[in-house]
Amino acid sequence: MIRFLLIVLLSFNVNSNVLEREDIKAFIKFATETSDLTEEEVKSYLVQAVPSKKAETARQNQPEVKATWDRYRNRYVTSSRINNGVKFVKNNFDILEKVENEFGVSKFYIASIIGCETNYGSYLGTYNPLDTIFTRAFEPKNTFWQKELIQLFILSKKYNFDPKAIKSSWSGALGLGQFIPSSYNFYGVDYDNDGAVDMYNSRKDGIASVANYLKGNGWKENSNAVSEVDVSKKYQELNDEDISALELPFNLNNFRTKITTTDLDNEGFEIEKVFEEKISPLLVYEQGKTKLYLGFDNFRVITKYNRSSKYALAVHQLAVEISKRFDE
């Protein structure tokens, strides 16, 4: 016991040196001026933080950037994840049905996001949010992540979390739906009415919070997220390299692209149906074939969760497969 206390005290003394850094002093001032946190509270969290080289490495090797679409898809749209998604929907059907009716977000997309994020709650991460967010906030200075660090402290104070002990992703995402702290604070729903938003132990809170996040970012009830259309002869039999080499007046496979059916037709895509919503065109090499998907507003809402067209398309395809198998 005495040895343990000595280790804790030594650790505190070593980490307390961080408070002497000029950037940390500026952050403490910023945190206390922009929140209800006291200087002592901010310091008490900061002295526990240790930069995470592991999180830095993970950030540099994300599949959204590194992997081809086929490899990325094969990571998420698998038989086991589909089957587990069906089980998740069946086991939580009453909650999902109620949430769907209340928030207007499909139960299958909610399940799919939770499936992609935490494998339906079975994997909440191997990092802690204090170290991972601290790393992003100060190496180098990043205003966005400094604000997230403040939000983490607010969250920890409000719900008596230990930010060093709870699990997170490499970027500090939390709970069943993997929310960064600001999203947890802003979109979190106390759906079981116990006085706290608990995305770790309450399925009701986690499920409703995912739905609230999508709704809050513009999800349209009963609207498509993605449609697959036929690939015209001009673009058939293209692999990943061929697709990357295409020169068009708009960007393919980029959720920021918003064009019309006419824009696609002008480049020889020959879209037979006219869509009213703006389109994010996704031309991909999938399972040995060139395929064309059209992302709509709900597709772009999913990218608010993860700023990646690959992620949003994978969420869509997993949701579709869960729905199909659920109805069989």
C-alpha atoms as a PDB file:
ATOM      1  CA  MET A   1       0.000   0.000   0.000  1.00  0.00           C
ATOM      2  CA  ILE A   2       2.812   2.402   0.934  1.00  0.00           C
ATOM      3  CA  ARG A   3       4.630   1.548  -2.301  1.00  0.00           C
ATOM      4  CA  PHE A   4       1.476   2.265  -4.301  1.00  0.00           C
ATOM      5  CA  LEU A   5       1.066   5.692  -2.699  1.00  0.00           C
ATOM      6  CA  LEU A   6       4.704   6.510  -3.426  1.00  0.00           C
ATOM      7  CA  ILE A   7       4.224   5.596  -7.095  1.00  0.00           C
ATOM      8  CA  VAL A   8       1.137   7.817  -7.326  1.00  0.00           C
ATOM      9  CA  LEU A   9       2.935  10.750  -5.676  1.00  0.00           C
ATOM     10  CA  LEU A  10       5.990  10.359  -7.916  1.00  0.00           C
ATOM     11  CA  SER A  11       3.756  10.222 -10.986  1.00  0.00           C
ATOM     12  CA  PHE A  12       1.966  13.371  -9.888  1.00  0.00           C
ATOM     13  CA  ASN A  13       5.223  15.217  -9.324  1.00  0.00           C
ATOM     14  CA  VAL A  14       6.576  14.239 -12.750  1.00  0.00           C
ATOM     15  CA  ASN A  15       3.391  15.145 -14.598  1.00  0.00           C
ATOM     16  CA  SER A  16       2.935  18.373 -12.630  1.00  0.00           C
ATOM     17  CA  ASN A  17       5.871  19.775 -14.614  1.00  0.00           C
ATOM     18  CA  VAL A  18       3.478  20.063 -17.525  1.00  0.00           C
ATOM     19  CA  LEU A  19       1.796  22.954 -15.715  1.00  0.00           C
ATOM     20  CA  GLU A  20       4.958  25.022 -16.184  1.00  0.00           C
ATOM     21  CA  ARG A  21       4.687  24.976 -19.963  1.00  0.00           C
ATOM     22  CA  GLU A  22       3.616  28.270 -21.487  1.00  0.00           C
ATOM     23  CA  ASP A  23       1.116  26.644 -23.855  1.00  0.00           C
ATOM     24  CA  ILE A  24      -0.458  24.792 -20.931  1.00  0.00           C
ATOM     25  CA  LYS A  25      -0.725  27.993 -18.913  1.00  0.00           C
ATOM     26  CA  ALA A  26      -2.461  29.664 -21.844  1.00  0.00           C
ATOM     27  CA  PHE A  27      -4.808  26.681 -22.138  1.00  0.00           C
ATOM     28  CA  ILE A  28      -5.702  26.803 -18.434  1.00  0.00           C
ATOM     29  CA  LYS A  29      -6.599  30.470 -18.813  1.00  0.00           C
ATOM     30  CA  PHE A  30      -8.645  29.708 -21.937  1.00  0.00           C
ATOM     31  CA  ALA A  31     -10.435  26.818 -20.224  1.00  0.00           C
ATOM     32  CA  THR A  32     -11.445  28.770 -17.143  1.00  0.00           C
ATOM     33  CA  GLU A  33     -12.578  31.777 -19.171  1.00  0.00           C
ATOM     34  CA  THR A  34     -14.772  29.737 -21.507  1.00  0.00           C
ATOM     35  CA  SER A  35     -16.322  27.254 -19.048  1.00  0.00           C
ATOM     36  CA  ASP A  36     -17.441  26.854 -15.448  1.00  0.00           C
ATOM     37  CA  LEU A  37     -14.313  24.856 -14.666  1.00  0.00           C
ATOM     38  CA  THR A  38     -12.039  26.229 -11.969  1.00  0.00           C
ATOM     39  CA  GLU A  39      -8.295  26.543 -12.395  1.00  0.00           C
ATOM     40  CA  GLU A  40      -7.717  23.789  -9.849  1.00  0.00           C
ATOM     41  CA  GLU A  41     -10.098  21.442 -11.621  1.00  0.00           C
ATOM     42  CA  VAL A  42      -8.374  21.961 -14.962  1.00  0.00           C
ATOM     43  CA  LYS A  43      -4.967  21.437 -13.386  1.00  0.00           C
ATOM     44  CA  SER A  44      -6.124  18.282 -11.607  1.00  0.00           C
ATOM     45  CA  TYR A  45      -6.962  16.707 -14.966  1.00  0.00           C
ATOM     46  CA  LEU A  46      -3.898  17.999 -16.810  1.00  0.00           C
ATOM     47  CA  VAL A  47      -1.371  16.584 -14.351  1.00  0.00           C
ATOM     48  CA  GLN A  48      -2.647  13.097 -15.182  1.00  0.00           C
ATOM     49  CA  ALA A  49      -2.236  13.484 -18.962  1.00  0.00           C
ATOM     50  CA  VAL A  50       0.570  11.774 -20.849  1.00  0.00           C
ATOM     51  CA  PRO A  51       1.134  12.138 -24.625  1.00  0.00           C
ATOM     52  CA  SER A  52       0.244   8.928 -26.468  1.00  0.00           C
ATOM     53  CA  LYS A  53       2.647   7.916 -29.237  1.00  0.00           C
ATOM     54  CA  LYS A  54       0.404   4.936 -29.915  1.00  0.00           C
ATOM     55  CA  ALA A  55      -2.494   7.281 -30.688  1.00  0.00           C
ATOM     56  CA  GLU A  56      -0.280   9.341 -32.994  1.00  0.00           C
ATOM     57  CA  THR A  57       0.688   6.218 -34.923  1.00  0.00           C
ATOM     58  CA  ALA A  58      -2.946   5.110 -35.191  1.00  0.00           C
ATOM     59  CA  ARG A  59      -3.937   8.527 -36.521  1.00  0.00           C
ATOM     60  CA  GLN A  60      -1.401   8.244 -39.327  1.00  0.00           C
ATOM     61  CA  ASN A  61      -2.647   4.837 -40.446  1.00  0.00           C
ATOM     62  CA  GLN A  62      -6.395   5.197 -40.686  1.00  0.00           C
ATOM     63  CA  PRO A  63      -8.060   2.885 -43.247  1.00  0.00           C
ATOM     64  CA  GLU A  64     -10.282   5.738 -44.482  1.00  0.00           C
ATOM     65  CA  VAL A  65      -7.108   7.153 -46.053  1.00  0.00           C
ATOM     66  CA  LYS A  66      -4.879   4.132 -46.577  1.00  0.00           C
ATOM     67  CA  ALA A  67      -7.235   1.359 -47.720  1.00  0.00           C
ATOM     68  CA  THR A  68      -8.852   0.809 -51.105  1.00  0.00           C
ATOM     69  CA  TRP A  69     -12.651   0.769 -51.108  1.00  0.00           C
ATOM     70  CA  ASP A  70     -12.740  -3.012 -51.445  1.00  0.00           C
ATOM     71  CA  ARG A  71     -10.421  -3.528 -48.474  1.00  0.00           C
ATOM     72  CA  TYR A  72     -12.293  -0.950 -46.427  1.00  0.00           C
ATOM     73  CA  ARG A  73     -15.665  -2.503 -47.260  1.00  0.00           C
ATOM     74  CA  ASN A  74     -14.428  -5.991 -46.392  1.00  0.00           C
ATOM     75  CA  ARG A  75     -13.562  -4.710 -42.942  1.00  0.00           C
ATOM     76  CA  TYR A  76     -17.104  -3.609 -42.107  1.00  0.00           C
ATOM     77  CA  VAL A  77     -19.629  -5.302 -44.392  1.00  0.00           C
ATOM     78  CA  THR A  78     -18.930  -8.859 -43.300  1.00  0.00           C
ATOM     79  CA  SER A  79     -21.206 -11.814 -42.632  1.00  0.00           C
ATOM     80  CA  SER A  80     -20.409 -11.762 -38.927  1.00  0.00           C
ATOM     81  CA  ARG A  81     -21.077  -8.031 -38.603  1.00  0.00           C
ATOM     82  CA  ILE A  82     -24.341  -8.389 -40.538  1.00  0.00           C
ATOM     83  CA  ASN A  83     -25.448 -11.331 -38.371  1.00  0.00           C
ATOM     84  CA  ASN A  84     -24.472  -9.515 -35.186  1.00  0.00           C
ATOM     85  CA  GLY A  85     -26.362  -6.488 -36.476  1.00  0.00           C
ATOM     86  CA  VAL A  86     -29.512  -8.550 -36.891  1.00  0.00           C
ATOM     87  CA  LYS A  87     -29.076  -9.871 -33.337  1.00  0.00           C
ATOM     88  CA  PHE A  88     -28.539  -6.325 -32.056  1.00  0.00           C
ATOM     89  CA  VAL A  89     -31.754  -5.125 -33.694  1.00  0.00           C
ATOM     90  CA  LYS A  90     -33.746  -8.085 -32.395  1.00  0.00           C
ATOM     91  CA  ASN A  91     -32.333  -7.807 -28.869  1.00  0.00           C
ATOM     92  CA  ASN A  92     -32.999  -4.067 -28.725  1.00  0.00           C
ATOM     93  CA  PHE A  93     -36.036  -3.936 -30.987  1.00  0.00           C
ATOM     94  CA  ASP A  94     -38.389  -2.108 -28.610  1.00  0.00           C
ATOM     95  CA  ILE A  95     -35.841   0.635 -27.932  1.00  0.00           C
ATOM     96  CA  LEU A  96     -34.879   0.973 -31.599  1.00  0.00           C
ATOM     97  CA  GLU A  97     -38.499   1.057 -32.726  1.00  0.00           C
ATOM     98  CA  LYS A  98     -39.376   3.747 -30.187  1.00  0.00           C
ATOM     99  CA  VAL A  99     -36.295   5.798 -31.072  1.00  0.00           C
ATOM    100  CA  GLU A 100     -36.994   5.462 -34.798  1.00  0.00           C
ATOM    101  CA  ASN A 101     -40.532   6.749 -34.336  1.00  0.00           C
ATOM    102  CA  GLU A 102     -39.421   9.602 -32.104  1.00  0.00           C
ATOM    103  CA  PHE A 103     -36.342  10.805 -33.998  1.00  0.00           C
ATOM    104  CA  GLY A 104     -37.229   9.728 -37.552  1.00  0.00           C
ATOM    105  CA  VAL A 105     -33.982   7.813 -38.051  1.00  0.00           C
ATOM    106  CA  SER A 106     -34.001   4.252 -39.399  1.00  0.00           C
ATOM    107  CA  LYS A 107     -33.224   1.621 -36.770  1.00  0.00           C
ATOM    108  CA  PHE A 108     -30.987  -0.137 -39.285  1.00  0.00           C
ATOM    109  CA  TYR A 109     -28.748   2.892 -39.795  1.00  0.00           C
ATOM    110  CA  ILE A 110     -28.514   3.368 -36.029  1.00  0.00           C
ATOM    111  CA  ALA A 111     -27.509  -0.278 -35.661  1.00  0.00           C
ATOM    112  CA  SER A 112     -25.072  -0.033 -38.555  1.00  0.00           C
ATOM    113  CA  ILE A 113     -23.244   2.964 -37.083  1.00  0.00           C
ATOM    114  CA  ILE A 114     -22.978   1.245 -33.706  1.00  0.00           C
ATOM    115  CA  GLY A 115     -21.787  -1.878 -35.526  1.00  0.00           C
ATOM    116  CA  CYS A 116     -19.074   0.008 -37.394  1.00  0.00           C
ATOM    117  CA  GLU A 117     -18.031   2.047 -34.376  1.00  0.00           C
ATOM    118  CA  THR A 118     -17.923  -0.505 -31.556  1.00  0.00           C
ATOM    119  CA  ASN A 119     -19.044  -3.825 -33.055  1.00  0.00           C
ATOM    120  CA  TYR A 120     -22.390  -3.349 -31.276  1.00  0.00           C
ATOM    121  CA  GLY A 121     -20.796  -2.376 -27.980  1.00  0.00           C
ATOM    122  CA  SER A 122     -18.307  -5.244 -27.709  1.00  0.00           C
ATOM    123  CA  TYR A 123     -15.277  -3.030 -28.401  1.00  0.00           C
ATOM    124  CA  LEU A 124     -15.118   0.422 -26.826  1.00  0.00           C
ATOM    125  CA  GLY A 125     -11.442   1.057 -27.527  1.00  0.00           C
ATOM    126  CA  THR A 126      -8.110   0.432 -25.836  1.00  0.00           C
ATOM    127  CA  TYR A 127      -7.091   4.050 -25.207  1.00  0.00           C
ATOM    128  CA  ASN A 128      -8.175   6.619 -22.644  1.00  0.00           C
ATOM    129  CA  PRO A 129      -9.621   9.966 -23.788  1.00  0.00           C
ATOM    130  CA  LEU A 130      -7.457  12.122 -21.544  1.00  0.00           C
ATOM    131  CA  ASP A 131      -4.157  11.054 -23.102  1.00  0.00           C
ATOM    132  CA  THR A 132      -5.414  10.829 -26.677  1.00  0.00           C
ATOM    133  CA  ILE A 133      -7.136  14.223 -26.738  1.00  0.00           C
ATOM    134  CA  PHE A 134      -4.288  15.856 -24.810  1.00  0.00           C
ATOM    135  CA  THR A 135      -1.925  14.547 -27.495  1.00  0.00           C
ATOM    136  CA  ARG A 136      -3.959  16.059 -30.312  1.00  0.00           C
ATOM    137  CA  ALA A 137      -4.492  19.325 -28.444  1.00  0.00           C
ATOM    138  CA  PHE A 138      -0.841  20.174 -27.854  1.00  0.00           C
ATOM    139  CA  GLU A 139       1.337  18.304 -30.336  1.00  0.00           C
ATOM    140  CA  PRO A 140       1.197  20.662 -32.132  1.00  0.00           C
ATOM    141  CA  LYS A 141      -1.330  23.154 -30.720  1.00  0.00           C
ATOM    142  CA  ASN A 142      -4.767  22.496 -32.162  1.00  0.00           C
ATOM    143  CA  THR A 143      -7.619  24.797 -31.144  1.00  0.00           C
ATOM    144  CA  PHE A 144     -10.323  22.296 -32.093  1.00  0.00           C
ATOM    145  CA  TRP A 145      -8.879  19.586 -29.873  1.00  0.00           C
ATOM    146  CA  GLN A 146      -8.152  22.019 -27.059  1.00  0.00           C
ATOM    147  CA  LYS A 147     -11.883  22.769 -27.042  1.00  0.00           C
ATOM    148  CA  GLU A 148     -12.555  19.016 -27.022  1.00  0.00           C
ATOM    149  CA  LEU A 149     -10.233  18.649 -24.032  1.00  0.00           C
ATOM    150  CA  ILE A 150     -12.265  21.280 -22.187  1.00  0.00           C
ATOM    151  CA  GLN A 151     -15.451  19.424 -23.136  1.00  0.00           C
ATOM    152  CA  LEU A 152     -13.902  16.214 -21.770  1.00  0.00           C
ATOM    153  CA  PHE A 153     -13.213  17.949 -18.451  1.00  0.00           C
ATOM    154  CA  ILE A 154     -16.793  19.299 -18.345  1.00  0.00           C
ATOM    155  CA  LEU A 155     -18.150  15.831 -19.109  1.00  0.00           C
ATOM    156  CA  SER A 156     -15.931  14.208 -16.488  1.00  0.00           C
ATOM    157  CA  LYS A 157     -16.971  16.714 -13.826  1.00  0.00           C
ATOM    158  CA  LYS A 158     -20.678  16.448 -14.669  1.00  0.00           C
ATOM    159  CA  TYR A 159     -20.873  12.652 -14.565  1.00  0.00           C
ATOM    160  CA  ASN A 160     -17.958  11.933 -12.256  1.00  0.00           C
ATOM    161  CA  PHE A 161     -16.002  10.157 -15.003  1.00  0.00           C
ATOM    162  CA  ASP A 162     -12.325   9.423 -14.593  1.00  0.00           C
ATOM    163  CA  PRO A 163     -11.014  10.451 -18.058  1.00  0.00           C
ATOM    164  CA  LYS A 164      -7.865   8.446 -17.447  1.00  0.00           C
ATOM    165  CA  ALA A 165      -9.753   5.245 -16.694  1.00  0.00           C
ATOM    166  CA  ILE A 166     -12.622   5.098 -19.198  1.00  0.00           C
ATOM    167  CA  LYS A 167     -12.103   3.503 -22.605  1.00  0.00           C
ATOM    168  CA  SER A 168     -11.955   5.425 -25.867  1.00  0.00           C
ATOM    169  CA  SER A 169     -10.775   5.219 -29.458  1.00  0.00           C
ATOM    170  CA  TRP A 170      -7.403   6.570 -30.579  1.00  0.00           C
ATOM    171  CA  SER A 171      -9.075   9.966 -31.089  1.00  0.00           C
ATOM    172  CA  GLY A 172     -10.859  10.026 -27.734  1.00  0.00           C
ATOM    173  CA  ALA A 173     -14.288   8.914 -28.973  1.00  0.00           C
ATOM    174  CA  LEU A 174     -16.522   7.587 -26.215  1.00  0.00           C
ATOM    175  CA  GLY A 175     -19.150   4.964 -25.540  1.00  0.00           C
ATOM    176  CA  LEU A 176     -21.501   2.841 -27.620  1.00  0.00           C
ATOM    177  CA  GLY A 177     -21.648   5.293 -30.519  1.00  0.00           C
ATOM    178  CA  GLN A 178     -18.127   6.697 -30.114  1.00  0.00           C
ATOM    179  CA  PHE A 179     -18.890  10.375 -29.536  1.00  0.00           C
ATOM    180  CA  ILE A 180     -16.174  12.966 -29.114  1.00  0.00           C
ATOM    181  CA  PRO A 181     -16.745  14.921 -25.870  1.00  0.00           C
ATOM    182  CA  SER A 182     -18.506  17.923 -27.442  1.00  0.00           C
ATOM    183  CA  SER A 183     -20.951  15.614 -29.238  1.00  0.00           C
ATOM    184  CA  TYR A 184     -21.478  13.646 -26.026  1.00  0.00           C
ATOM    185  CA  ASN A 185     -22.354  16.869 -24.204  1.00  0.00           C
ATOM    186  CA  PHE A 186     -24.493  18.329 -26.983  1.00  0.00           C
ATOM    187  CA  TYR A 187     -26.267  15.311 -28.524  1.00  0.00           C
ATOM    188  CA  GLY A 188     -26.266  12.865 -25.616  1.00  0.00           C
ATOM    189  CA  VAL A 189     -29.749  11.751 -24.546  1.00  0.00           C
ATOM    190  CA  ASP A 190     -30.739  10.490 -21.111  1.00  0.00           C
ATOM    191  CA  TYR A 191     -33.245   8.091 -22.636  1.00  0.00           C
ATOM    192  CA  ASP A 192     -33.610   5.888 -19.569  1.00  0.00           C
ATOM    193  CA  ASN A 193     -34.368   8.983 -17.439  1.00  0.00           C
ATOM    194  CA  ASP A 194     -31.930   8.161 -14.658  1.00  0.00           C
ATOM    195  CA  GLY A 195     -30.475  11.671 -14.530  1.00  0.00           C
ATOM    196  CA  ALA A 196     -27.297  10.943 -16.511  1.00  0.00           C
ATOM    197  CA  VAL A 197     -26.279  10.356 -20.107  1.00  0.00           C
ATOM    198  CA  ASP A 198     -24.394   7.055 -19.924  1.00  0.00           C
ATOM    199  CA  MET A 199     -23.270   5.735 -23.290  1.00  0.00           C
ATOM    200  CA  TYR A 200     -21.189   3.036 -21.634  1.00  0.00           C
ATOM    201  CA  ASN A 201     -23.761   1.172 -19.571  1.00  0.00           C
ATOM    202  CA  SER A 202     -27.141   2.246 -20.966  1.00  0.00           C
ATOM    203  CA  ARG A 203     -28.201   0.871 -24.342  1.00  0.00           C
ATOM    204  CA  LYS A 204     -31.155   3.247 -24.296  1.00  0.00           C
ATOM    205  CA  ASP A 205     -28.917   6.302 -23.908  1.00  0.00           C
ATOM    206  CA  GLY A 206     -26.434   5.085 -26.518  1.00  0.00           C
ATOM    207  CA  ILE A 207     -29.029   4.241 -29.164  1.00  0.00           C
ATOM    208  CA  ALA A 208     -31.060   7.426 -28.672  1.00  0.00           C
ATOM    209  CA  SER A 209     -27.907   9.552 -28.736  1.00  0.00           C
ATOM    210  CA  VAL A 210     -26.862   8.176 -32.126  1.00  0.00           C
ATOM    211  CA  ALA A 211     -30.333   8.929 -33.492  1.00  0.00           C
ATOM    212  CA  ASN A 212     -30.275  12.410 -31.980  1.00  0.00           C
ATOM    213  CA  TYR A 213     -26.872  13.096 -33.542  1.00  0.00           C
ATOM    214  CA  LEU A 214     -28.089  12.131 -37.013  1.00  0.00           C
ATOM    215  CA  LYS A 215     -31.333  14.067 -36.629  1.00  0.00           C
ATOM    216  CA  GLY A 216     -29.482  17.087 -35.299  1.00  0.00           C
ATOM    217  CA  ASN A 217     -27.211  17.064 -38.326  1.00  0.00           C
ATOM    218  CA  GLY A 218     -30.063  17.045 -40.820  1.00  0.00           C
ATOM    219  CA  TRP A 219     -31.221  13.440 -41.288  1.00  0.00           C
ATOM    220  CA  LYS A 220     -34.314  13.306 -43.477  1.00  0.00           C
ATOM    221  CA  GLU A 221     -36.912  10.755 -42.453  1.00  0.00           C
ATOM    222  CA  ASN A 222     -37.847   8.209 -45.147  1.00  0.00           C
ATOM    223  CA  SER A 223     -35.223   9.543 -47.576  1.00  0.00           C
ATOM    224  CA  ASN A 224     -32.558   7.483 -49.309  1.00  0.00           C
ATOM    225  CA  ALA A 225     -28.947   7.827 -48.264  1.00  0.00           C
ATOM    226  CA  VAL A 226     -27.470   6.130 -51.327  1.00  0.00           C
ATOM    227  CA  SER A 227     -28.702   4.698 -54.631  1.00  0.00           C
ATOM    228  CA  GLU A 228     -26.773   2.363 -56.893  1.00  0.00           C
ATOM    229  CA  VAL A 229     -27.184   3.038 -60.632  1.00  0.00           C
ATOM    230  CA  ASP A 230     -25.882   1.336 -63.734  1.00  0.00           C
ATOM    231  CA  VAL A 231     -22.404   2.223 -64.909  1.00  0.00           C
ATOM    232  CA  SER A 232     -22.322   3.529 -68.469  1.00  0.00           C
ATOM    233  CA  LYS A 233     -20.052   1.833 -71.007  1.00  0.00           C
ATOM    234  CA  LYS A 234     -17.575   4.724 -70.816  1.00  0.00           C
ATOM    235  CA  TYR A 235     -16.779   3.968 -67.180  1.00  0.00           C
ATOM    236  CA  GLN A 236     -17.092   0.203 -67.063  1.00  0.00           C
ATOM    237  CA  GLU A 237     -14.133  -2.022 -66.140  1.00  0.00           C
ATOM    238  CA  LEU A 238     -12.184   0.667 -64.270  1.00  0.00           C
ATOM    239  CA  ASN A 239     -10.051  -0.356 -61.316  1.00  0.00           C
ATOM    240  CA  ASP A 240      -8.928   1.841 -58.412  1.00  0.00           C
ATOM    241  CA  GLU A 241      -5.998   3.349 -60.329  1.00  0.00           C
ATOM    242  CA  ASP A 242      -8.144   4.071 -63.373  1.00  0.00           C
ATOM    243  CA  ILE A 243     -10.760   5.796 -61.230  1.00  0.00           C
ATOM    244  CA  SER A 244      -8.132   7.897 -59.466  1.00  0.00           C
ATOM    245  CA  ALA A 245      -6.701   8.971 -62.826  1.00  0.00           C
ATOM    246  CA  LEU A 246     -10.017  10.288 -64.182  1.00  0.00           C
ATOM    247  CA  GLU A 247     -10.081  14.018 -64.873  1.00  0.00           C
ATOM    248  CA  LEU A 248     -13.540  15.473 -64.352  1.00  0.00           C
ATOM    249  CA  PRO A 249     -14.904  18.941 -63.518  1.00  0.00           C
ATOM    250  CA  PHE A 250     -16.004  17.579 -60.129  1.00  0.00           C
ATOM    251  CA  ASN A 251     -14.444  15.293 -57.535  1.00  0.00           C
ATOM    252  CA  LEU A 252     -15.514  11.665 -57.377  1.00  0.00           C
ATOM    253  CA  ASN A 253     -15.757   9.838 -54.057  1.00  0.00           C
ATOM    254  CA  ASN A 254     -15.830  13.076 -52.094  1.00  0.00           C
ATOM    255  CA  PHE A 255     -18.763  13.818 -49.792  1.00  0.00           C
ATOM    256  CA  ARG A 256     -18.192  17.546 -50.307  1.00  0.00           C
ATOM    257  CA  THR A 257     -19.139  17.224 -53.982  1.00  0.00           C
ATOM    258  CA  LYS A 258     -22.738  18.282 -54.640  1.00  0.00           C
ATOM    259  CA  ILE A 259     -23.773  18.092 -58.280  1.00  0.00           C
ATOM    260  CA  THR A 260     -26.859  17.322 -60.364  1.00  0.00           C
ATOM    261  CA  THR A 261     -27.897  14.474 -62.623  1.00  0.00           C
ATOM    262  CA  THR A 262     -27.233  16.783 -65.575  1.00  0.00           C
ATOM    263  CA  ASP A 263     -23.631  17.296 -64.420  1.00  0.00           C
ATOM    264  CA  LEU A 264     -23.133  13.533 -64.477  1.00  0.00           C
ATOM    265  CA  ASP A 265     -24.813  13.128 -67.860  1.00  0.00           C
ATOM    266  CA  ASN A 266     -22.565  15.811 -69.352  1.00  0.00           C
ATOM    267  CA  GLU A 267     -19.574  13.608 -68.495  1.00  0.00           C
ATOM    268  CA  GLY A 268     -21.072  10.491 -70.043  1.00  0.00           C
ATOM    269  CA  PHE A 269     -22.434   8.735 -66.949  1.00  0.00           C
ATOM    270  CA  GLU A 270     -25.858   8.379 -68.617  1.00  0.00           C
ATOM    271  CA  ILE A 271     -28.040   8.498 -65.488  1.00  0.00           C
ATOM    272  CA  GLU A 272     -31.522   7.402 -66.543  1.00  0.00           C
ATOM    273  CA  LYS A 273     -33.411   8.721 -63.529  1.00  0.00           C
ATOM    274  CA  VAL A 274     -33.474  12.397 -62.529  1.00  0.00           C
ATOM    275  CA  PHE A 275     -32.818  12.949 -58.817  1.00  0.00           C
ATOM    276  CA  GLU A 276     -33.930  16.163 -57.151  1.00  0.00           C
ATOM    277  CA  GLU A 277     -31.341  16.080 -54.372  1.00  0.00           C
ATOM    278  CA  LYS A 278     -27.757  17.108 -55.004  1.00  0.00           C
ATOM    279  CA  ILE A 279     -25.496  14.138 -55.649  1.00  0.00           C
ATOM    280  CA  SER A 280     -22.130  13.022 -54.308  1.00  0.00           C
ATOM    281  CA  PRO A 281     -20.986  10.527 -57.002  1.00  0.00           C
ATOM    282  CA  LEU A 282     -19.131   7.431 -55.798  1.00  0.00           C
ATOM    283  CA  LEU A 283     -17.395   5.448 -58.531  1.00  0.00           C
ATOM    284  CA  VAL A 284     -15.672   2.479 -56.917  1.00  0.00           C
ATOM    285  CA  TYR A 285     -14.050  -0.829 -57.706  1.00  0.00           C
ATOM    286  CA  GLU A 286     -15.965  -3.380 -55.637  1.00  0.00           C
ATOM    287  CA  GLN A 287     -15.625  -7.159 -55.699  1.00  0.00           C
ATOM    288  CA  GLY A 288     -14.142  -7.194 -59.187  1.00  0.00           C
ATOM    289  CA  LYS A 289     -16.618  -4.746 -60.715  1.00  0.00           C
ATOM    290  CA  THR A 290     -16.841  -1.006 -61.301  1.00  0.00           C
ATOM    291  CA  LYS A 291     -19.898   0.335 -59.477  1.00  0.00           C
ATOM    292  CA  LEU A 292     -21.539   3.734 -59.310  1.00  0.00           C
ATOM    293  CA  TYR A 293     -23.343   4.922 -56.196  1.00  0.00           C
ATOM    294  CA  LEU A 294     -25.046   8.274 -55.716  1.00  0.00           C
ATOM    295  CA  GLY A 295     -24.892   9.771 -52.243  1.00  0.00           C
ATOM    296  CA  PHE A 296     -27.672  12.125 -51.153  1.00  0.00           C
ATOM    297  CA  ASP A 297     -28.295  14.389 -48.167  1.00  0.00           C
ATOM    298  CA  ASN A 298     -28.558  11.517 -45.665  1.00  0.00           C
ATOM    299  CA  PHE A 299     -25.279  10.127 -46.998  1.00  0.00           C
ATOM    300  CA  ARG A 300     -23.619  13.450 -46.236  1.00  0.00           C
ATOM    301  CA  VAL A 301     -25.205  13.459 -42.765  1.00  0.00           C
ATOM    302  CA  ILE A 302     -23.426  10.172 -42.032  1.00  0.00           C
ATOM    303  CA  THR A 303     -20.119  11.841 -42.916  1.00  0.00           C
ATOM    304  CA  LYS A 304     -20.693  14.221 -40.002  1.00  0.00           C
ATOM    305  CA  TYR A 305     -19.972  11.163 -37.903  1.00  0.00           C
ATOM    306  CA  ASN A 306     -16.775  10.327 -39.761  1.00  0.00           C
ATOM    307  CA  ARG A 307     -15.510  12.657 -42.486  1.00  0.00           C
ATOM    308  CA  SER A 308     -15.089   9.881 -45.008  1.00  0.00           C
ATOM    309  CA  SER A 309     -17.107   8.808 -48.057  1.00  0.00           C
ATOM    310  CA  LYS A 310     -15.854   5.259 -47.544  1.00  0.00           C
ATOM    311  CA  TYR A 311     -17.229   5.247 -44.016  1.00  0.00           C
ATOM    312  CA  ALA A 312     -20.635   6.589 -45.053  1.00  0.00           C
ATOM    313  CA  LEU A 313     -20.957   4.108 -47.915  1.00  0.00           C
ATOM    314  CA  ALA A 314     -19.956   1.232 -45.629  1.00  0.00           C
ATOM    315  CA  VAL A 315     -22.543   2.318 -43.038  1.00  0.00           C
ATOM    316  CA  HIS A 316     -25.185   2.429 -45.764  1.00  0.00           C
ATOM    317  CA  GLN A 317     -24.325  -0.991 -47.156  1.00  0.00           C
ATOM    318  CA  LEU A 318     -24.201  -2.582 -43.713  1.00  0.00           C
ATOM    319  CA  ALA A 319     -27.580  -1.037 -42.834  1.00  0.00           C
ATOM    320  CA  VAL A 320     -29.093  -2.421 -46.040  1.00  0.00           C
ATOM    321  CA  GLU A 321     -27.715  -5.910 -45.401  1.00  0.00           C
ATOM    322  CA  ILE A 322     -28.925  -5.935 -41.783  1.00  0.00           C
ATOM    323  CA  SER A 323     -32.377  -4.868 -42.964  1.00  0.00           C
ATOM    324  CA  LYS A 324     -32.485  -7.563 -45.654  1.00  0.00           C
ATOM    325  CA  ARG A 325     -31.456 -10.348 -43.302  1.00  0.00           C
ATOM    326  CA  PHE A 326     -33.738  -9.088 -40.545  1.00  0.00           C
ATOM    327  CA  ASP A 327     -36.731  -9.380 -42.887  1.00  0.00           C
ATOM    328  CA  GLU A 328     -35.870 -12.889 -44.107  1.00  0.00           C
END
